[in-house]
Amino acid sequence: TSLLVLSPVEFEDAGLYKCEAVFSGESAMSLTSTFFVRGFNVQPQDTTTVNMTSATLSCQAIGDAAPQLTWYHGSDKLDHGPTISISTKLLGLYLLSSLSWPRRWIGSD
């Protein structure tokens, strides 16, 4: 019996692992397993800003399939609109999403 332990698990640990057994130096058998790591590798940070200025929040997630990122204010889902900009980029297995409140000028629509 052989046991492989990864502790602590890091995002770089994801990938294909192979266990090989060699019998009497002649024949070999192997089993492969793919190991996935999921989670946030960039979490939104608390932000303080001055009234009528811009603010941007970012988060980045990783997964074996591209994760879906959704922004909420309280329990309300946020969508792109005149005062909110949401951008999402797929970077390999990473998904980066940014939420911005552009500066609003007094008297503008």
N, C-alpha and C. Protein backbone atom coordinates (compact mmCIF):
# COMPACT_ATOMS: atom_id res chain seq x y z
N THR A 1 0.84 -1.18 0.00
CA THR A 1 0.00 0.00 0.00
C THR A 1 0.88 1.23 0.00
N SER A 2 0.52 2.19 -0.82
CA SER A 2 1.23 3.46 -0.87
C SER A 2 0.21 4.57 -0.76
N LEU A 3 0.53 5.60 0.00
CA LEU A 3 -0.40 6.70 0.24
C LEU A 3 0.31 8.01 -0.09
N LEU A 4 -0.27 8.81 -0.97
CA LEU A 4 0.25 10.13 -1.30
C LEU A 4 -0.59 11.16 -0.56
N VAL A 5 0.06 11.99 0.24
CA VAL A 5 -0.64 13.02 1.01
C VAL A 5 -0.13 14.38 0.57
N LEU A 6 -1.03 15.27 0.19
CA LEU A 6 -0.69 16.65 -0.15
C LEU A 6 -1.25 17.54 0.95
N SER A 7 -0.38 18.19 1.68
CA SER A 7 -0.85 19.03 2.78
C SER A 7 0.15 20.15 3.04
N PRO A 8 -0.27 21.38 2.95
CA PRO A 8 -1.60 21.82 2.52
C PRO A 8 -1.71 21.79 1.00
N VAL A 9 -2.91 21.61 0.50
CA VAL A 9 -3.15 21.58 -0.94
C VAL A 9 -3.06 23.01 -1.47
N GLU A 10 -2.37 23.18 -2.59
CA GLU A 10 -2.23 24.48 -3.24
C GLU A 10 -2.76 24.36 -4.67
N PHE A 11 -3.10 25.49 -5.28
CA PHE A 11 -3.63 25.47 -6.64
C PHE A 11 -2.66 24.80 -7.61
N GLU A 12 -1.37 24.95 -7.38
CA GLU A 12 -0.37 24.35 -8.26
C GLU A 12 -0.35 22.83 -8.19
N ASP A 13 -0.99 22.25 -7.17
CA ASP A 13 -1.01 20.79 -7.01
C ASP A 13 -1.98 20.11 -7.97
N ALA A 14 -2.88 20.87 -8.58
CA ALA A 14 -3.85 20.27 -9.51
C ALA A 14 -3.12 19.65 -10.69
N GLY A 15 -3.64 18.54 -11.18
CA GLY A 15 -3.04 17.92 -12.35
C GLY A 15 -3.22 16.42 -12.34
N LEU A 16 -2.48 15.76 -13.21
CA LEU A 16 -2.57 14.32 -13.39
C LEU A 16 -1.54 13.63 -12.52
N TYR A 17 -1.98 12.67 -11.74
CA TYR A 17 -1.10 11.88 -10.88
C TYR A 17 -1.14 10.43 -11.33
N LYS A 18 -0.03 9.74 -11.23
CA LYS A 18 0.07 8.37 -11.71
C LYS A 18 0.70 7.50 -10.63
N CYS A 19 0.10 6.36 -10.39
CA CYS A 19 0.66 5.36 -9.48
C CYS A 19 1.05 4.16 -10.33
N GLU A 20 2.30 3.75 -10.24
CA GLU A 20 2.80 2.66 -11.06
C GLU A 20 3.28 1.51 -10.19
N ALA A 21 2.93 0.32 -10.57
CA ALA A 21 3.40 -0.89 -9.87
C ALA A 21 4.23 -1.72 -10.83
N VAL A 22 5.43 -2.10 -10.40
CA VAL A 22 6.33 -2.93 -11.21
C VAL A 22 6.46 -4.27 -10.49
N PHE A 23 6.23 -5.36 -11.22
CA PHE A 23 6.26 -6.70 -10.66
C PHE A 23 7.52 -7.43 -11.10
N SER A 24 8.36 -7.80 -10.18
CA SER A 24 9.59 -8.56 -10.44
C SER A 24 10.46 -7.91 -11.51
N GLY A 25 10.41 -6.59 -11.60
CA GLY A 25 11.25 -5.89 -12.55
C GLY A 25 10.87 -6.10 -14.00
N GLU A 26 9.75 -6.78 -14.27
CA GLU A 26 9.39 -7.10 -15.65
C GLU A 26 8.19 -6.32 -16.16
N SER A 27 7.05 -6.53 -15.56
CA SER A 27 5.85 -5.90 -16.07
C SER A 27 5.41 -4.76 -15.14
N ALA A 28 4.78 -3.77 -15.74
CA ALA A 28 4.32 -2.62 -14.96
C ALA A 28 2.84 -2.39 -15.22
N MET A 29 2.17 -1.96 -14.18
CA MET A 29 0.77 -1.56 -14.29
C MET A 29 0.68 -0.18 -13.67
N SER A 30 -0.20 0.64 -14.20
CA SER A 30 -0.34 1.97 -13.61
C SER A 30 -1.79 2.41 -13.65
N LEU A 31 -2.10 3.25 -12.72
CA LEU A 31 -3.40 3.89 -12.64
C LEU A 31 -3.16 5.39 -12.60
N THR A 32 -4.00 6.15 -13.28
CA THR A 32 -3.87 7.60 -13.24
C THR A 32 -5.11 8.20 -12.62
N SER A 33 -4.93 9.35 -12.04
CA SER A 33 -6.03 10.07 -11.42
C SER A 33 -5.79 11.56 -11.63
N THR A 34 -6.84 12.26 -11.95
CA THR A 34 -6.73 13.70 -12.10
C THR A 34 -7.23 14.35 -10.83
N PHE A 35 -6.44 15.27 -10.32
CA PHE A 35 -6.74 15.95 -9.06
C PHE A 35 -7.07 17.40 -9.37
N PHE A 36 -8.23 17.85 -8.93
CA PHE A 36 -8.67 19.22 -9.17
C PHE A 36 -8.66 20.01 -7.87
N VAL A 37 -8.33 21.27 -7.97
CA VAL A 37 -8.41 22.18 -6.84
C VAL A 37 -9.38 23.29 -7.24
N ARG A 38 -10.36 23.54 -6.42
CA ARG A 38 -11.34 24.58 -6.71
C ARG A 38 -11.34 25.60 -5.60
N GLY A 39 -11.63 26.82 -5.95
CA GLY A 39 -11.73 27.85 -4.92
C GLY A 39 -11.38 29.21 -5.46
N PHE A 40 -11.33 30.17 -4.56
CA PHE A 40 -10.96 31.53 -4.91
C PHE A 40 -9.48 31.71 -4.67
N ASN A 41 -8.79 32.23 -5.67
CA ASN A 41 -7.38 32.55 -5.45
C ASN A 41 -7.17 34.06 -5.37
N VAL A 42 -8.16 34.86 -5.72
CA VAL A 42 -8.17 36.29 -5.43
C VAL A 42 -9.55 36.60 -4.90
N GLN A 43 -9.62 37.01 -3.64
CA GLN A 43 -10.91 37.31 -3.03
C GLN A 43 -11.14 38.81 -3.00
N PRO A 44 -12.42 39.23 -3.11
CA PRO A 44 -12.70 40.67 -3.01
C PRO A 44 -12.20 41.20 -1.66
N GLN A 45 -11.63 42.38 -1.70
CA GLN A 45 -11.14 43.03 -0.49
C GLN A 45 -12.09 44.15 -0.08
N ASP A 46 -12.19 44.40 1.22
CA ASP A 46 -12.97 45.54 1.68
C ASP A 46 -12.41 46.81 1.07
N THR A 47 -13.30 47.68 0.62
CA THR A 47 -12.89 48.91 -0.06
C THR A 47 -13.66 50.09 0.52
N THR A 48 -12.95 51.17 0.77
CA THR A 48 -13.57 52.42 1.19
C THR A 48 -13.24 53.47 0.14
N THR A 49 -14.25 54.25 -0.24
CA THR A 49 -14.04 55.28 -1.25
C THR A 49 -14.82 56.53 -0.88
N VAL A 50 -14.53 57.60 -1.55
CA VAL A 50 -15.19 58.88 -1.31
C VAL A 50 -16.39 58.99 -2.25
N ASN A 51 -17.45 59.63 -1.80
CA ASN A 51 -18.65 59.83 -2.60
C ASN A 51 -18.30 60.46 -3.95
N MET A 52 -18.95 60.01 -4.99
CA MET A 52 -18.82 60.51 -6.36
C MET A 52 -17.47 60.17 -6.99
N THR A 53 -16.82 59.10 -6.52
CA THR A 53 -15.60 58.63 -7.16
C THR A 53 -15.84 57.21 -7.64
N SER A 54 -14.85 56.58 -8.22
CA SER A 54 -14.97 55.22 -8.73
C SER A 54 -14.46 54.22 -7.72
N ALA A 55 -14.97 53.00 -7.82
CA ALA A 55 -14.49 51.89 -6.99
C ALA A 55 -14.51 50.64 -7.85
N THR A 56 -13.55 49.76 -7.63
CA THR A 56 -13.48 48.49 -8.36
C THR A 56 -13.20 47.37 -7.38
N LEU A 57 -13.97 46.30 -7.48
CA LEU A 57 -13.76 45.08 -6.71
C LEU A 57 -13.41 43.97 -7.68
N SER A 58 -12.51 43.08 -7.30
CA SER A 58 -12.12 41.97 -8.17
C SER A 58 -12.11 40.67 -7.40
N CYS A 59 -12.43 39.58 -8.08
CA CYS A 59 -12.23 38.25 -7.52
C CYS A 59 -11.84 37.32 -8.66
N GLN A 60 -11.13 36.27 -8.30
CA GLN A 60 -10.67 35.31 -9.30
C GLN A 60 -10.87 33.92 -8.72
N ALA A 61 -11.45 33.02 -9.52
CA ALA A 61 -11.72 31.66 -9.08
C ALA A 61 -11.05 30.68 -10.03
N ILE A 62 -10.77 29.50 -9.52
CA ILE A 62 -10.14 28.45 -10.32
C ILE A 62 -10.96 27.18 -10.15
N GLY A 63 -11.03 26.37 -11.21
CA GLY A 63 -11.75 25.10 -11.12
C GLY A 63 -11.45 24.23 -12.31
N ASP A 64 -11.86 22.96 -12.22
CA ASP A 64 -11.63 22.03 -13.32
C ASP A 64 -12.47 22.40 -14.53
N ALA A 65 -13.57 23.06 -14.33
CA ALA A 65 -14.36 23.66 -15.41
C ALA A 65 -14.46 25.14 -15.05
N ALA A 66 -14.58 25.97 -16.05
CA ALA A 66 -14.63 27.41 -15.78
C ALA A 66 -15.79 27.73 -14.84
N PRO A 67 -15.50 28.33 -13.69
CA PRO A 67 -16.58 28.67 -12.76
C PRO A 67 -17.38 29.85 -13.26
N GLN A 68 -18.59 30.01 -12.77
CA GLN A 68 -19.40 31.18 -13.07
C GLN A 68 -19.33 32.10 -11.86
N LEU A 69 -19.00 33.35 -12.09
CA LEU A 69 -18.93 34.33 -11.01
C LEU A 69 -20.10 35.29 -11.14
N THR A 70 -20.77 35.55 -10.04
CA THR A 70 -21.92 36.45 -10.00
C THR A 70 -21.72 37.43 -8.85
N TRP A 71 -21.99 38.69 -9.08
CA TRP A 71 -21.87 39.72 -8.06
C TRP A 71 -23.23 40.01 -7.45
N TYR A 72 -23.25 40.23 -6.13
CA TYR A 72 -24.47 40.57 -5.40
C TYR A 72 -24.22 41.77 -4.51
N HIS A 73 -25.24 42.59 -4.32
CA HIS A 73 -25.24 43.64 -3.31
C HIS A 73 -26.30 43.24 -2.31
N GLY A 74 -25.89 42.78 -1.14
CA GLY A 74 -26.83 42.15 -0.21
C GLY A 74 -27.32 40.87 -0.86
N SER A 75 -28.62 40.73 -1.03
CA SER A 75 -29.17 39.54 -1.69
C SER A 75 -29.57 39.83 -3.14
N ASP A 76 -29.32 41.06 -3.60
CA ASP A 76 -29.71 41.45 -4.96
C ASP A 76 -28.58 41.18 -5.95
N LYS A 77 -28.89 40.43 -7.00
CA LYS A 77 -27.91 40.15 -8.05
C LYS A 77 -27.65 41.43 -8.83
N LEU A 78 -26.39 41.72 -9.09
CA LEU A 78 -26.01 42.91 -9.85
C LEU A 78 -25.83 42.57 -11.32
N ASP A 79 -26.27 43.47 -12.18
CA ASP A 79 -26.10 43.34 -13.62
C ASP A 79 -25.44 44.60 -14.15
N HIS A 80 -24.82 44.46 -15.31
CA HIS A 80 -24.20 45.60 -15.99
C HIS A 80 -25.26 46.65 -16.27
N GLY A 81 -24.95 47.90 -16.01
CA GLY A 81 -25.91 48.98 -16.25
C GLY A 81 -25.20 50.31 -16.33
N PRO A 82 -25.94 51.42 -16.30
CA PRO A 82 -25.33 52.74 -16.48
C PRO A 82 -24.35 53.12 -15.36
N THR A 83 -24.53 52.59 -14.17
CA THR A 83 -23.63 52.95 -13.07
C THR A 83 -22.78 51.78 -12.59
N ILE A 84 -22.95 50.60 -13.18
CA ILE A 84 -22.19 49.42 -12.78
C ILE A 84 -21.62 48.75 -14.02
N SER A 85 -20.34 48.42 -13.96
CA SER A 85 -19.68 47.71 -15.04
C SER A 85 -19.15 46.39 -14.49
N ILE A 86 -19.50 45.28 -15.14
CA ILE A 86 -19.01 43.97 -14.74
C ILE A 86 -18.26 43.38 -15.92
N SER A 87 -17.00 43.03 -15.71
CA SER A 87 -16.22 42.40 -16.77
C SER A 87 -15.71 41.05 -16.28
N THR A 88 -15.68 40.09 -17.17
CA THR A 88 -15.23 38.74 -16.83
C THR A 88 -14.30 38.26 -17.93
N LYS A 89 -13.15 37.71 -17.52
CA LYS A 89 -12.17 37.20 -18.47
C LYS A 89 -11.79 35.78 -18.08
N LEU A 90 -11.74 34.90 -19.06
CA LEU A 90 -11.28 33.53 -18.83
C LEU A 90 -9.79 33.48 -19.12
N LEU A 91 -9.01 33.10 -18.12
CA LEU A 91 -7.55 33.01 -18.25
C LEU A 91 -7.14 31.58 -17.96
N GLY A 92 -7.23 30.70 -18.95
CA GLY A 92 -6.94 29.28 -18.72
C GLY A 92 -8.02 28.69 -17.83
N LEU A 93 -7.64 28.13 -16.70
CA LEU A 93 -8.62 27.61 -15.74
C LEU A 93 -9.09 28.68 -14.78
N TYR A 94 -8.53 29.89 -14.88
CA TYR A 94 -8.89 30.97 -13.98
C TYR A 94 -9.97 31.84 -14.61
N LEU A 95 -10.89 32.30 -13.79
CA LEU A 95 -11.91 33.23 -14.25
C LEU A 95 -11.78 34.48 -13.39
N LEU A 96 -11.50 35.62 -14.01
CA LEU A 96 -11.33 36.88 -13.30
C LEU A 96 -12.53 37.75 -13.57
N SER A 97 -13.13 38.28 -12.52
CA SER A 97 -14.29 39.15 -12.67
C SER A 97 -14.04 40.43 -11.90
N SER A 98 -14.42 41.56 -12.52
CA SER A 98 -14.27 42.86 -11.87
C SER A 98 -15.61 43.57 -11.89
N LEU A 99 -15.91 44.25 -10.80
CA LEU A 99 -17.12 45.04 -10.64
C LEU A 99 -16.68 46.47 -10.43
N SER A 100 -17.18 47.41 -11.25
CA SER A 100 -16.76 48.81 -11.14
C SER A 100 -17.96 49.72 -11.06
N TRP A 101 -17.82 50.73 -10.26
CA TRP A 101 -18.78 51.82 -10.22
C TRP A 101 -18.06 53.01 -10.80
N PRO A 102 -18.30 53.36 -12.09
CA PRO A 102 -17.62 54.52 -12.67
C PRO A 102 -18.04 55.81 -11.97
N ARG A 103 -17.18 56.78 -12.03
CA ARG A 103 -17.48 58.08 -11.43
C ARG A 103 -18.69 58.68 -12.13
N ARG A 104 -19.62 59.18 -11.35
CA ARG A 104 -20.82 59.84 -11.90
C ARG A 104 -20.70 61.34 -11.67
N TRP A 105 -20.90 62.09 -12.72
CA TRP A 105 -20.80 63.53 -12.63
C TRP A 105 -22.15 64.10 -12.25
N ILE A 106 -22.15 65.13 -11.41
CA ILE A 106 -23.41 65.79 -11.00
C ILE A 106 -24.06 66.38 -12.24
N GLY A 107 -25.35 66.09 -12.42
CA GLY A 107 -26.10 66.61 -13.55
C GLY A 107 -26.05 65.72 -14.78
N SER A 108 -25.29 64.60 -14.74
CA SER A 108 -25.25 63.70 -15.89
C SER A 108 -26.37 62.67 -15.77
N ASP A 109 -26.75 62.07 -16.90
CA ASP A 109 -27.79 61.05 -16.90
C ASP A 109 -27.23 59.72 -16.51
